[in-house]
Amino acid sequence: MAANERLICRSADLIDAGPGVRFTVRVQGVEEPAFAVRFRGRVAAYLNRCGHVAVELDWQPGEFFDDSKLYLICATHGALYAPQDGRCLGGRCNGRGLTPLPIEERNGAIYYTPSEQES
């Protein structure tokens, strides 16, 4: 276990294409909102910031998927992102994807694993 890793949630808390888990990370000395989701069995985490304008994506706390449960959607602009890698798929993100965060799933838990510079 790395000294700077942090427990985010239990693995069971992330249901495939279901609600995400919100948490915060420190970026350049500032606490920033972030989230983790599960899609097709894999966990991914991103800064909770649209690629178009720095607004949070979720339309309700923890609700990041669109109605089809295939895409992450910005509730403000309707931009669509690929859940597996955060890449912009359409809308006002203009090709700017989500900022991925290092996350690891092991022993029934999800951990944020920042580098020394990020912690």
C-alpha atoms as a PDB file:
ATOM      1  CA  MET A   1       0.000   0.000   0.000  1.00  0.00           C
ATOM      2  CA  ALA A   2       1.466   3.337  -1.060  1.00  0.00           C
ATOM      3  CA  ALA A   3       1.826   5.928   1.662  1.00  0.00           C
ATOM      4  CA  ASN A   4      -0.273   8.522  -0.156  1.00  0.00           C
ATOM      5  CA  GLU A   5      -3.102   6.333  -1.456  1.00  0.00           C
ATOM      6  CA  ARG A   6      -6.592   6.937  -0.109  1.00  0.00           C
ATOM      7  CA  LEU A   7      -9.611   4.671   0.240  1.00  0.00           C
ATOM      8  CA  ILE A   8     -12.515   6.003  -1.857  1.00  0.00           C
ATOM      9  CA  CYS A   9     -15.197   3.339  -1.338  1.00  0.00           C
ATOM     10  CA  ARG A  10     -15.951  -0.363  -1.273  1.00  0.00           C
ATOM     11  CA  SER A  11     -15.969  -2.078  -4.669  1.00  0.00           C
ATOM     12  CA  ALA A  12     -19.613  -3.012  -4.114  1.00  0.00           C
ATOM     13  CA  ASP A  13     -20.520   0.693  -3.883  1.00  0.00           C
ATOM     14  CA  LEU A  14     -19.896   1.111  -7.625  1.00  0.00           C
ATOM     15  CA  ILE A  15     -22.572  -0.611  -9.691  1.00  0.00           C
ATOM     16  CA  ASP A  16     -21.919  -0.991 -13.409  1.00  0.00           C
ATOM     17  CA  ALA A  17     -23.245   2.157 -15.192  1.00  0.00           C
ATOM     18  CA  GLY A  18     -24.854   3.186 -11.918  1.00  0.00           C
ATOM     19  CA  PRO A  19     -24.297   6.126  -9.601  1.00  0.00           C
ATOM     20  CA  GLY A  20     -20.739   7.250  -9.097  1.00  0.00           C
ATOM     21  CA  VAL A  21     -18.939   8.045  -5.883  1.00  0.00           C
ATOM     22  CA  ARG A  22     -17.859  11.646  -5.369  1.00  0.00           C
ATOM     23  CA  PHE A  23     -14.616  12.510  -3.575  1.00  0.00           C
ATOM     24  CA  THR A  24     -12.059  15.317  -3.599  1.00  0.00           C
ATOM     25  CA  VAL A  25      -8.425  15.467  -4.674  1.00  0.00           C
ATOM     26  CA  ARG A  26      -5.736  18.060  -4.133  1.00  0.00           C
ATOM     27  CA  VAL A  27      -4.519  19.594  -7.407  1.00  0.00           C
ATOM     28  CA  GLN A  28      -1.777  22.211  -7.180  1.00  0.00           C
ATOM     29  CA  GLY A  29      -2.706  22.828  -3.545  1.00  0.00           C
ATOM     30  CA  VAL A  30      -6.451  23.214  -4.196  1.00  0.00           C
ATOM     31  CA  GLU A  31      -9.191  20.712  -3.297  1.00  0.00           C
ATOM     32  CA  GLU A  32     -11.027  19.719  -6.484  1.00  0.00           C
ATOM     33  CA  PRO A  33     -14.188  17.616  -6.896  1.00  0.00           C
ATOM     34  CA  ALA A  34     -13.717  14.185  -8.456  1.00  0.00           C
ATOM     35  CA  PHE A  35     -15.727  11.023  -9.051  1.00  0.00           C
ATOM     36  CA  ALA A  36     -15.364   7.315  -9.707  1.00  0.00           C
ATOM     37  CA  VAL A  37     -17.689   5.142 -11.808  1.00  0.00           C
ATOM     38  CA  ARG A  38     -17.805   1.538 -12.960  1.00  0.00           C
ATOM     39  CA  PHE A  39     -18.421   0.757 -16.627  1.00  0.00           C
ATOM     40  CA  ARG A  40     -18.316  -2.710 -18.194  1.00  0.00           C
ATOM     41  CA  GLY A  41     -16.735  -4.054 -15.034  1.00  0.00           C
ATOM     42  CA  ARG A  42     -13.871  -1.553 -14.831  1.00  0.00           C
ATOM     43  CA  VAL A  43     -13.494   1.401 -12.515  1.00  0.00           C
ATOM     44  CA  ALA A  44     -12.435   4.840 -13.761  1.00  0.00           C
ATOM     45  CA  ALA A  45     -12.036   8.166 -11.966  1.00  0.00           C
ATOM     46  CA  TYR A  46     -11.972  11.738 -13.240  1.00  0.00           C
ATOM     47  CA  LEU A  47     -11.944  15.304 -12.037  1.00  0.00           C
ATOM     48  CA  ASN A  48     -15.577  16.371 -11.847  1.00  0.00           C
ATOM     49  CA  ARG A  49     -15.091  19.091 -14.439  1.00  0.00           C
ATOM     50  CA  CYS A  50     -16.579  19.416 -17.924  1.00  0.00           C
ATOM     51  CA  GLY A  51     -14.071  19.810 -20.764  1.00  0.00           C
ATOM     52  CA  HIS A  52     -15.968  22.854 -22.030  1.00  0.00           C
ATOM     53  CA  VAL A  53     -16.378  24.950 -18.881  1.00  0.00           C
ATOM     54  CA  ALA A  54     -15.203  24.055 -15.383  1.00  0.00           C
ATOM     55  CA  VAL A  55     -18.620  22.974 -14.076  1.00  0.00           C
ATOM     56  CA  GLU A  56     -19.386  19.696 -12.331  1.00  0.00           C
ATOM     57  CA  LEU A  57     -20.935  17.038 -14.537  1.00  0.00           C
ATOM     58  CA  ASP A  58     -23.473  15.279 -12.325  1.00  0.00           C
ATOM     59  CA  TRP A  59     -27.125  16.258 -12.730  1.00  0.00           C
ATOM     60  CA  GLN A  60     -27.853  14.940  -9.234  1.00  0.00           C
ATOM     61  CA  PRO A  61     -25.123  14.080  -6.719  1.00  0.00           C
ATOM     62  CA  GLY A  62     -23.381  10.976  -8.068  1.00  0.00           C
ATOM     63  CA  GLU A  63     -25.471  10.748 -11.272  1.00  0.00           C
ATOM     64  CA  PHE A  64     -23.026  10.931 -14.179  1.00  0.00           C
ATOM     65  CA  PHE A  65     -24.481   8.580 -16.810  1.00  0.00           C
ATOM     66  CA  ASP A  66     -26.976   9.625 -19.459  1.00  0.00           C
ATOM     67  CA  ASP A  67     -30.320   7.828 -19.831  1.00  0.00           C
ATOM     68  CA  SER A  68     -28.797   5.137 -22.069  1.00  0.00           C
ATOM     69  CA  LYS A  69     -26.177   4.318 -19.382  1.00  0.00           C
ATOM     70  CA  LEU A  70     -23.529   4.288 -22.138  1.00  0.00           C
ATOM     71  CA  TYR A  71     -22.034   7.769 -21.703  1.00  0.00           C
ATOM     72  CA  LEU A  72     -21.039  10.229 -19.022  1.00  0.00           C
ATOM     73  CA  ILE A  73     -22.916  13.478 -19.602  1.00  0.00           C
ATOM     74  CA  CYS A  74     -22.446  17.078 -18.532  1.00  0.00           C
ATOM     75  CA  ALA A  75     -25.759  18.168 -17.044  1.00  0.00           C
ATOM     76  CA  THR A  76     -25.054  21.796 -17.958  1.00  0.00           C
ATOM     77  CA  HIS A  77     -23.935  21.471 -21.600  1.00  0.00           C
ATOM     78  CA  GLY A  78     -24.957  17.970 -22.676  1.00  0.00           C
ATOM     79  CA  ALA A  79     -21.393  17.035 -23.666  1.00  0.00           C
ATOM     80  CA  LEU A  80     -20.878  13.274 -23.826  1.00  0.00           C
ATOM     81  CA  TYR A  81     -17.781  11.437 -22.613  1.00  0.00           C
ATOM     82  CA  ALA A  82     -16.627   7.814 -22.866  1.00  0.00           C
ATOM     83  CA  PRO A  83     -16.825   6.287 -19.368  1.00  0.00           C
ATOM     84  CA  GLN A  84     -13.804   4.048 -19.926  1.00  0.00           C
ATOM     85  CA  ASP A  85     -11.306   6.783 -20.818  1.00  0.00           C
ATOM     86  CA  GLY A  86     -13.037  10.176 -20.477  1.00  0.00           C
ATOM     87  CA  ARG A  87     -12.612  11.104 -24.130  1.00  0.00           C
ATOM     88  CA  CYS A  88     -15.026  13.653 -25.604  1.00  0.00           C
ATOM     89  CA  LEU A  89     -17.607  11.993 -27.850  1.00  0.00           C
ATOM     90  CA  GLY A  90     -19.751  14.987 -28.718  1.00  0.00           C
ATOM     91  CA  GLY A  91     -21.269  18.222 -27.600  1.00  0.00           C
ATOM     92  CA  ARG A  92     -19.605  21.357 -26.384  1.00  0.00           C
ATOM     93  CA  CYS A  93     -16.463  19.656 -25.055  1.00  0.00           C
ATOM     94  CA  ASN A  94     -14.863  20.414 -28.452  1.00  0.00           C
ATOM     95  CA  GLY A  95     -12.551  17.428 -28.242  1.00  0.00           C
ATOM     96  CA  ARG A  96     -11.407  18.146 -24.673  1.00  0.00           C
ATOM     97  CA  GLY A  97     -11.932  15.079 -22.554  1.00  0.00           C
ATOM     98  CA  LEU A  98     -12.190  14.562 -18.826  1.00  0.00           C
ATOM     99  CA  THR A  99      -9.056  14.590 -16.686  1.00  0.00           C
ATOM    100  CA  PRO A 100      -8.380  10.994 -15.567  1.00  0.00           C
ATOM    101  CA  LEU A 101      -7.218  10.196 -12.061  1.00  0.00           C
ATOM    102  CA  PRO A 102      -5.119   7.221 -10.930  1.00  0.00           C
ATOM    103  CA  ILE A 103      -7.365   4.697  -9.259  1.00  0.00           C
ATOM    104  CA  GLU A 104      -6.929   1.078  -8.279  1.00  0.00           C
ATOM    105  CA  GLU A 105      -9.348  -1.660  -7.306  1.00  0.00           C
ATOM    106  CA  ARG A 106      -8.115  -4.437  -5.050  1.00  0.00           C
ATOM    107  CA  ASN A 107      -9.291  -6.563  -2.139  1.00  0.00           C
ATOM    108  CA  GLY A 108     -12.871  -5.334  -2.457  1.00  0.00           C
ATOM    109  CA  ALA A 109     -12.017  -1.624  -2.311  1.00  0.00           C
ATOM    110  CA  ILE A 110     -11.327   1.355  -4.587  1.00  0.00           C
ATOM    111  CA  TYR A 111      -8.245   3.488  -3.893  1.00  0.00           C
ATOM    112  CA  TYR A 112      -7.129   6.845  -5.266  1.00  0.00           C
ATOM    113  CA  THR A 113      -3.392   6.481  -5.874  1.00  0.00           C
ATOM    114  CA  PRO A 114      -1.882   9.907  -6.592  1.00  0.00           C
ATOM    115  CA  SER A 115       1.742  10.461  -7.469  1.00  0.00           C
ATOM    116  CA  GLU A 116       3.922  12.228  -4.918  1.00  0.00           C
ATOM    117  CA  GLN A 117       3.382  15.517  -6.816  1.00  0.00           C
ATOM    118  CA  GLU A 118      -0.419  15.189  -6.683  1.00  0.00           C
ATOM    119  CA  SER A 119      -0.803  14.306  -3.025  1.00  0.00           C
END
